[in-house]
Structures are given as C-alpha cells and as structure tokens.
Amino acid sequence: MNIEDLREYCLAQRGVTEELPFGPNTLVFKVGGKVFLLVGLDQVDVLCFNVKCDPDRAVELRSDYPETVIPGYHMNKKHWNTVYCNRQLPDERLRMFIDDSYALVYNSLSKAIQESIKP
C-alpha cells in the first residue's frame, strides 16, 4: 500500500473529508467531523498511519503483529494504533484496520449526523 492507495481508500468511504489541521505534513481523514485516520505526508521510505481502535482490540493487535502495529504515535495509546504498511500484513488486512476505525467513529456520531451521511 502506498499513500495514494491509502488516500483513495479513505475518500471512498461515505461522508469522509480530508483536512490538514495540524499543518502541511499531516493529512487527517474525518467522518462527521471526527478523526478516524491520520497519515504523515513527509514519509519517504516507510509508510504508516494512525487509526482509532477499541482499547481491548488495540492491545491484542499489538501483540499479534508486533512489527506492524504499535501504540499510536503522538496519540492516546489506549484508543489509537500506528500501523506500518508493507510489513507483516497484506493490504487487505490494512484496509480492515481502516474500516474498523471508520466504523468506530461513525457509530459514535449522533443519529442525526449518521442520517446526514447515509446515501
């Protein structure tokens, strides 16, 4: 997976916006105004991204994939993981991490916001 694949996949989700609220080097993807993925644009050799995760599942994933999933860099370590691309896991599994993060954030939105995002 490269950064363009990641960007296209995120933007294909319903109601997703991309922003640069932390400066020109951090691309942030949101649904309903809430962040579900962050990625540094200044990464050259190794691509990684931060995704939201259920706290219990986050610990499990870090244990299962120690070369690929670590506590979220510059994030709340309980709720966020940093996931490295092109290591232990195929792109399909990386997309599942993105889907899980999106769903976790989407489901936390108010019903009114969820309804405004539905097709």
N, C-alpha and C. Protein backbone atom coordinates (compact mmCIF):
# COMPACT_ATOMS: atom_id res chain seq x y z
N MET A 1 0.86 -1.18 0.00
CA MET A 1 0.00 0.00 0.00
C MET A 1 0.90 1.23 0.00
N ASN A 2 0.54 2.20 -0.82
CA ASN A 2 1.24 3.47 -0.81
C ASN A 2 0.28 4.57 -0.36
N ILE A 3 0.78 5.77 -0.25
CA ILE A 3 -0.05 6.85 0.31
C ILE A 3 -1.23 7.20 -0.59
N GLU A 4 -1.07 7.08 -1.89
CA GLU A 4 -2.19 7.36 -2.78
C GLU A 4 -3.28 6.30 -2.65
N ASP A 5 -2.89 5.03 -2.52
CA ASP A 5 -3.87 3.97 -2.29
C ASP A 5 -4.64 4.23 -0.99
N LEU A 6 -3.89 4.61 0.04
CA LEU A 6 -4.50 4.90 1.34
C LEU A 6 -5.49 6.05 1.23
N ARG A 7 -5.09 7.12 0.58
CA ARG A 7 -5.95 8.30 0.42
C ARG A 7 -7.22 7.94 -0.35
N GLU A 8 -7.07 7.26 -1.46
CA GLU A 8 -8.22 6.88 -2.28
C GLU A 8 -9.18 5.99 -1.50
N TYR A 9 -8.63 5.06 -0.74
CA TYR A 9 -9.48 4.15 0.02
C TYR A 9 -10.28 4.92 1.08
N CYS A 10 -9.62 5.82 1.78
CA CYS A 10 -10.31 6.61 2.82
C CYS A 10 -11.41 7.48 2.20
N LEU A 11 -11.09 8.15 1.11
CA LEU A 11 -12.06 9.05 0.49
C LEU A 11 -13.24 8.32 -0.14
N ALA A 12 -13.09 7.02 -0.38
CA ALA A 12 -14.19 6.24 -0.95
C ALA A 12 -15.26 5.91 0.09
N GLN A 13 -14.96 6.11 1.37
CA GLN A 13 -15.93 5.84 2.43
C GLN A 13 -16.96 6.98 2.46
N ARG A 14 -18.18 6.66 2.88
CA ARG A 14 -19.26 7.65 2.93
C ARG A 14 -18.93 8.79 3.89
N GLY A 15 -19.14 10.02 3.43
CA GLY A 15 -19.06 11.19 4.29
C GLY A 15 -17.67 11.58 4.75
N VAL A 16 -16.64 11.06 4.12
CA VAL A 16 -15.27 11.34 4.56
C VAL A 16 -14.76 12.65 3.97
N THR A 17 -14.09 13.42 4.82
CA THR A 17 -13.40 14.63 4.39
C THR A 17 -11.92 14.49 4.72
N GLU A 18 -11.10 15.22 3.99
CA GLU A 18 -9.68 15.25 4.31
C GLU A 18 -9.29 16.68 4.63
N GLU A 19 -8.42 16.83 5.61
CA GLU A 19 -8.02 18.15 6.07
C GLU A 19 -6.55 18.12 6.46
N LEU A 20 -6.00 19.31 6.66
CA LEU A 20 -4.63 19.47 7.13
C LEU A 20 -4.63 20.37 8.38
N PRO A 21 -5.35 20.00 9.44
CA PRO A 21 -5.48 20.89 10.60
C PRO A 21 -4.21 21.05 11.44
N PHE A 22 -3.25 20.14 11.28
CA PHE A 22 -2.04 20.18 12.08
C PHE A 22 -0.84 20.67 11.28
N GLY A 23 -1.09 21.28 10.15
CA GLY A 23 -0.01 21.76 9.30
C GLY A 23 0.05 20.97 8.01
N PRO A 24 0.98 21.35 7.13
CA PRO A 24 1.01 20.77 5.79
C PRO A 24 1.53 19.33 5.70
N ASN A 25 2.01 18.77 6.80
CA ASN A 25 2.61 17.44 6.73
C ASN A 25 1.77 16.32 7.32
N THR A 26 0.58 16.63 7.84
CA THR A 26 -0.27 15.58 8.42
C THR A 26 -1.66 15.64 7.80
N LEU A 27 -1.97 14.62 7.02
CA LEU A 27 -3.28 14.52 6.38
C LEU A 27 -4.22 13.80 7.33
N VAL A 28 -5.38 14.40 7.56
CA VAL A 28 -6.35 13.88 8.52
C VAL A 28 -7.65 13.56 7.78
N PHE A 29 -8.16 12.35 8.01
CA PHE A 29 -9.44 11.94 7.44
C PHE A 29 -10.47 11.90 8.55
N LYS A 30 -11.64 12.50 8.26
CA LYS A 30 -12.71 12.60 9.25
C LYS A 30 -14.01 12.08 8.67
N VAL A 31 -14.88 11.62 9.57
CA VAL A 31 -16.26 11.33 9.22
C VAL A 31 -17.11 12.03 10.26
N GLY A 32 -18.09 12.80 9.81
CA GLY A 32 -18.93 13.55 10.74
C GLY A 32 -18.14 14.52 11.59
N GLY A 33 -17.02 15.00 11.08
CA GLY A 33 -16.21 15.96 11.81
C GLY A 33 -15.26 15.35 12.83
N LYS A 34 -15.24 14.02 12.92
CA LYS A 34 -14.36 13.33 13.88
C LYS A 34 -13.29 12.53 13.14
N VAL A 35 -12.08 12.57 13.67
CA VAL A 35 -10.93 11.93 13.05
C VAL A 35 -11.00 10.41 13.17
N PHE A 36 -10.72 9.73 12.05
CA PHE A 36 -10.59 8.27 12.11
C PHE A 36 -9.24 7.79 11.58
N LEU A 37 -8.49 8.65 10.88
CA LEU A 37 -7.17 8.25 10.39
C LEU A 37 -6.31 9.48 10.17
N LEU A 38 -5.03 9.35 10.54
CA LEU A 38 -4.03 10.38 10.29
C LEU A 38 -2.85 9.73 9.60
N VAL A 39 -2.24 10.47 8.67
CA VAL A 39 -1.05 9.96 7.99
C VAL A 39 -0.11 11.13 7.72
N GLY A 40 1.17 10.90 7.94
CA GLY A 40 2.17 11.92 7.67
C GLY A 40 2.50 11.95 6.19
N LEU A 41 2.50 13.15 5.63
CA LEU A 41 2.81 13.30 4.21
C LEU A 41 4.30 13.36 3.94
N ASP A 42 5.09 13.46 4.99
CA ASP A 42 6.54 13.57 4.82
C ASP A 42 7.24 12.21 4.90
N GLN A 43 6.49 11.14 4.91
CA GLN A 43 7.08 9.80 4.96
C GLN A 43 7.64 9.43 3.59
N VAL A 44 8.87 8.97 3.58
CA VAL A 44 9.51 8.63 2.31
C VAL A 44 9.71 7.13 2.18
N ASP A 45 10.42 6.55 3.12
CA ASP A 45 10.79 5.14 3.00
C ASP A 45 9.77 4.18 3.61
N VAL A 46 9.13 4.59 4.70
CA VAL A 46 8.23 3.71 5.43
C VAL A 46 6.91 4.43 5.66
N LEU A 47 5.83 3.86 5.14
CA LEU A 47 4.51 4.46 5.30
C LEU A 47 3.82 3.85 6.51
N CYS A 48 3.28 4.71 7.37
CA CYS A 48 2.45 4.25 8.48
C CYS A 48 1.32 5.24 8.67
N PHE A 49 0.27 4.81 9.36
CA PHE A 49 -0.87 5.67 9.63
C PHE A 49 -1.43 5.34 11.00
N ASN A 50 -2.14 6.30 11.58
CA ASN A 50 -2.79 6.11 12.88
C ASN A 50 -4.27 5.89 12.67
N VAL A 51 -4.81 4.88 13.36
CA VAL A 51 -6.24 4.59 13.32
C VAL A 51 -6.77 4.38 14.72
N LYS A 52 -8.03 4.72 14.89
CA LYS A 52 -8.71 4.51 16.15
C LYS A 52 -9.03 3.02 16.30
N CYS A 53 -9.06 2.55 17.55
CA CYS A 53 -9.28 1.13 17.78
C CYS A 53 -9.91 0.92 19.15
N ASP A 54 -10.76 -0.09 19.26
CA ASP A 54 -11.29 -0.49 20.56
C ASP A 54 -10.10 -0.80 21.47
N PRO A 55 -10.08 -0.29 22.70
CA PRO A 55 -8.92 -0.48 23.58
C PRO A 55 -8.47 -1.93 23.77
N ASP A 56 -9.40 -2.84 23.98
CA ASP A 56 -9.02 -4.25 24.16
C ASP A 56 -8.46 -4.83 22.86
N ARG A 57 -9.08 -4.49 21.77
CA ARG A 57 -8.62 -4.98 20.46
C ARG A 57 -7.26 -4.38 20.11
N ALA A 58 -7.02 -3.13 20.50
CA ALA A 58 -5.75 -2.47 20.22
C ALA A 58 -4.59 -3.25 20.83
N VAL A 59 -4.74 -3.66 22.08
CA VAL A 59 -3.70 -4.41 22.77
C VAL A 59 -3.49 -5.76 22.08
N GLU A 60 -4.57 -6.40 21.70
CA GLU A 60 -4.50 -7.70 21.03
C GLU A 60 -3.74 -7.59 19.70
N LEU A 61 -4.06 -6.56 18.91
CA LEU A 61 -3.41 -6.38 17.62
C LEU A 61 -1.92 -6.11 17.78
N ARG A 62 -1.57 -5.33 18.79
CA ARG A 62 -0.15 -5.04 19.04
C ARG A 62 0.61 -6.31 19.39
N SER A 63 -0.05 -7.20 20.11
CA SER A 63 0.56 -8.47 20.49
C SER A 63 0.67 -9.41 19.29
N ASP A 64 -0.38 -9.44 18.46
CA ASP A 64 -0.41 -10.33 17.31
C ASP A 64 0.54 -9.90 16.19
N TYR A 65 0.72 -8.59 16.02
CA TYR A 65 1.52 -8.06 14.92
C TYR A 65 2.54 -7.03 15.43
N PRO A 66 3.50 -7.46 16.21
CA PRO A 66 4.43 -6.52 16.85
C PRO A 66 5.30 -5.72 15.87
N GLU A 67 5.51 -6.22 14.68
CA GLU A 67 6.30 -5.48 13.69
C GLU A 67 5.46 -4.48 12.91
N THR A 68 4.15 -4.58 13.03
CA THR A 68 3.26 -3.78 12.20
C THR A 68 2.38 -2.83 12.99
N VAL A 69 1.95 -3.22 14.18
CA VAL A 69 1.01 -2.41 14.97
C VAL A 69 1.66 -2.04 16.30
N ILE A 70 1.72 -0.73 16.54
CA ILE A 70 2.29 -0.23 17.80
C ILE A 70 1.33 0.80 18.39
N PRO A 71 1.51 1.17 19.66
CA PRO A 71 0.66 2.22 20.23
C PRO A 71 0.74 3.49 19.39
N GLY A 72 -0.37 4.19 19.29
CA GLY A 72 -0.47 5.35 18.42
C GLY A 72 0.56 6.43 18.70
N TYR A 73 1.34 6.75 17.71
CA TYR A 73 2.37 7.79 17.81
C TYR A 73 1.70 9.15 17.98
N HIS A 74 2.06 9.86 19.03
CA HIS A 74 1.50 11.18 19.37
C HIS A 74 -0.02 11.14 19.59
N MET A 75 -0.54 9.99 19.98
CA MET A 75 -1.98 9.84 20.19
C MET A 75 -2.23 9.19 21.54
N ASN A 76 -3.49 9.13 21.94
CA ASN A 76 -3.87 8.41 23.15
C ASN A 76 -3.61 6.94 22.89
N LYS A 77 -2.66 6.37 23.60
CA LYS A 77 -2.20 4.99 23.35
C LYS A 77 -3.29 3.95 23.63
N LYS A 78 -4.27 4.33 24.41
CA LYS A 78 -5.35 3.39 24.72
C LYS A 78 -6.29 3.20 23.53
N HIS A 79 -6.50 4.26 22.77
CA HIS A 79 -7.52 4.24 21.71
C HIS A 79 -6.97 4.29 20.29
N TRP A 80 -5.67 4.47 20.13
CA TRP A 80 -5.10 4.64 18.79
C TRP A 80 -3.92 3.70 18.58
N ASN A 81 -3.82 3.18 17.37
CA ASN A 81 -2.68 2.37 16.94
C ASN A 81 -2.00 3.04 15.75
N THR A 82 -0.70 2.89 15.69
CA THR A 82 0.04 3.23 14.48
C THR A 82 0.27 1.91 13.74
N VAL A 83 -0.08 1.91 12.45
CA VAL A 83 0.01 0.71 11.63
C VAL A 83 1.00 0.97 10.50
N TYR A 84 2.00 0.09 10.40
CA TYR A 84 3.00 0.21 9.34
C TYR A 84 2.57 -0.61 8.13
N CYS A 85 2.69 0.00 6.98
CA CYS A 85 2.35 -0.67 5.73
C CYS A 85 3.55 -1.49 5.24
N ASN A 86 3.23 -2.49 4.45
CA ASN A 86 4.25 -3.28 3.74
C ASN A 86 5.21 -4.00 4.69
N ARG A 87 4.68 -4.52 5.78
CA ARG A 87 5.50 -5.33 6.69
C ARG A 87 4.92 -6.73 6.76
N GLN A 88 4.19 -7.04 7.86
CA GLN A 88 3.67 -8.39 8.07
C GLN A 88 2.36 -8.68 7.35
N LEU A 89 1.59 -7.63 7.06
CA LEU A 89 0.21 -7.84 6.64
C LEU A 89 -0.05 -7.38 5.21
N PRO A 90 -0.94 -8.09 4.52
CA PRO A 90 -1.32 -7.66 3.17
C PRO A 90 -2.21 -6.41 3.23
N ASP A 91 -2.33 -5.75 2.10
CA ASP A 91 -3.14 -4.53 2.02
C ASP A 91 -4.58 -4.76 2.46
N GLU A 92 -5.11 -5.93 2.15
CA GLU A 92 -6.50 -6.24 2.53
C GLU A 92 -6.69 -6.11 4.04
N ARG A 93 -5.73 -6.60 4.81
CA ARG A 93 -5.82 -6.53 6.27
C ARG A 93 -5.65 -5.08 6.74
N LEU A 94 -4.78 -4.33 6.08
CA LEU A 94 -4.60 -2.92 6.43
C LEU A 94 -5.90 -2.15 6.20
N ARG A 95 -6.58 -2.48 5.10
CA ARG A 95 -7.87 -1.83 4.83
C ARG A 95 -8.89 -2.18 5.90
N MET A 96 -8.79 -3.36 6.47
CA MET A 96 -9.71 -3.74 7.56
C MET A 96 -9.48 -2.86 8.80
N PHE A 97 -8.23 -2.51 9.07
CA PHE A 97 -7.94 -1.59 10.18
C PHE A 97 -8.61 -0.24 9.93
N ILE A 98 -8.54 0.22 8.67
CA ILE A 98 -9.16 1.49 8.30
C ILE A 98 -10.67 1.38 8.45
N ASP A 99 -11.26 0.30 7.96
CA ASP A 99 -12.70 0.10 8.08
C ASP A 99 -13.15 0.07 9.54
N ASP A 100 -12.38 -0.61 10.37
CA ASP A 100 -12.74 -0.70 11.80
C ASP A 100 -12.70 0.68 12.45
N SER A 101 -11.69 1.47 12.12
CA SER A 101 -11.58 2.81 12.67
C SER A 101 -12.75 3.68 12.21
N TYR A 102 -13.04 3.63 10.92
CA TYR A 102 -14.16 4.38 10.36
C TYR A 102 -15.46 4.00 11.08
N ALA A 103 -15.71 2.72 11.21
CA ALA A 103 -16.95 2.25 11.85
C ALA A 103 -17.02 2.68 13.31
N LEU A 104 -15.92 2.61 14.02
CA LEU A 104 -15.89 3.00 15.42
C LEU A 104 -16.27 4.47 15.57
N VAL A 105 -15.71 5.31 14.72
CA VAL A 105 -16.01 6.75 14.78
C VAL A 105 -17.43 7.02 14.28
N TYR A 106 -17.82 6.42 13.17
CA TYR A 106 -19.16 6.61 12.63
C TYR A 106 -20.23 6.24 13.66
N ASN A 107 -20.04 5.10 14.32
CA ASN A 107 -21.02 4.64 15.30
C ASN A 107 -21.07 5.51 16.55
N SER A 108 -20.05 6.32 16.77
CA SER A 108 -20.05 7.23 17.92
C SER A 108 -20.76 8.54 17.62
N LEU A 109 -21.08 8.77 16.35
CA LEU A 109 -21.75 10.01 15.95
C LEU A 109 -23.22 9.98 16.37
N SER A 110 -23.78 11.16 16.51
CA SER A 110 -25.21 11.23 16.83
C SER A 110 -26.02 10.64 15.68
N LYS A 111 -27.22 10.21 15.96
CA LYS A 111 -28.09 9.63 14.93
C LYS A 111 -28.36 10.65 13.82
N ALA A 112 -28.49 11.91 14.19
CA ALA A 112 -28.75 12.96 13.18
C ALA A 112 -27.58 13.07 12.21
N ILE A 113 -26.37 13.04 12.72
CA ILE A 113 -25.20 13.12 11.84
C ILE A 113 -25.08 11.86 11.00
N GLN A 114 -25.33 10.71 11.62
CA GLN A 114 -25.30 9.46 10.84
C GLN A 114 -26.29 9.50 9.70
N GLU A 115 -27.49 9.99 9.97
CA GLU A 115 -28.53 10.07 8.93
C GLU A 115 -28.11 11.00 7.80
N SER A 116 -27.40 12.09 8.13
CA SER A 116 -26.97 13.03 7.10
C SER A 116 -25.88 12.45 6.21
N ILE A 117 -25.19 11.40 6.69
CA ILE A 117 -24.11 10.78 5.93
C ILE A 117 -24.62 9.63 5.08
N LYS A 118 -25.69 8.99 5.48
CA LYS A 118 -26.22 7.83 4.73
C LYS A 118 -26.52 8.22 3.30
N PRO A 119 -26.33 7.27 2.37
CA PRO A 119 -26.60 7.58 0.95
C PRO A 119 -28.09 7.80 0.69
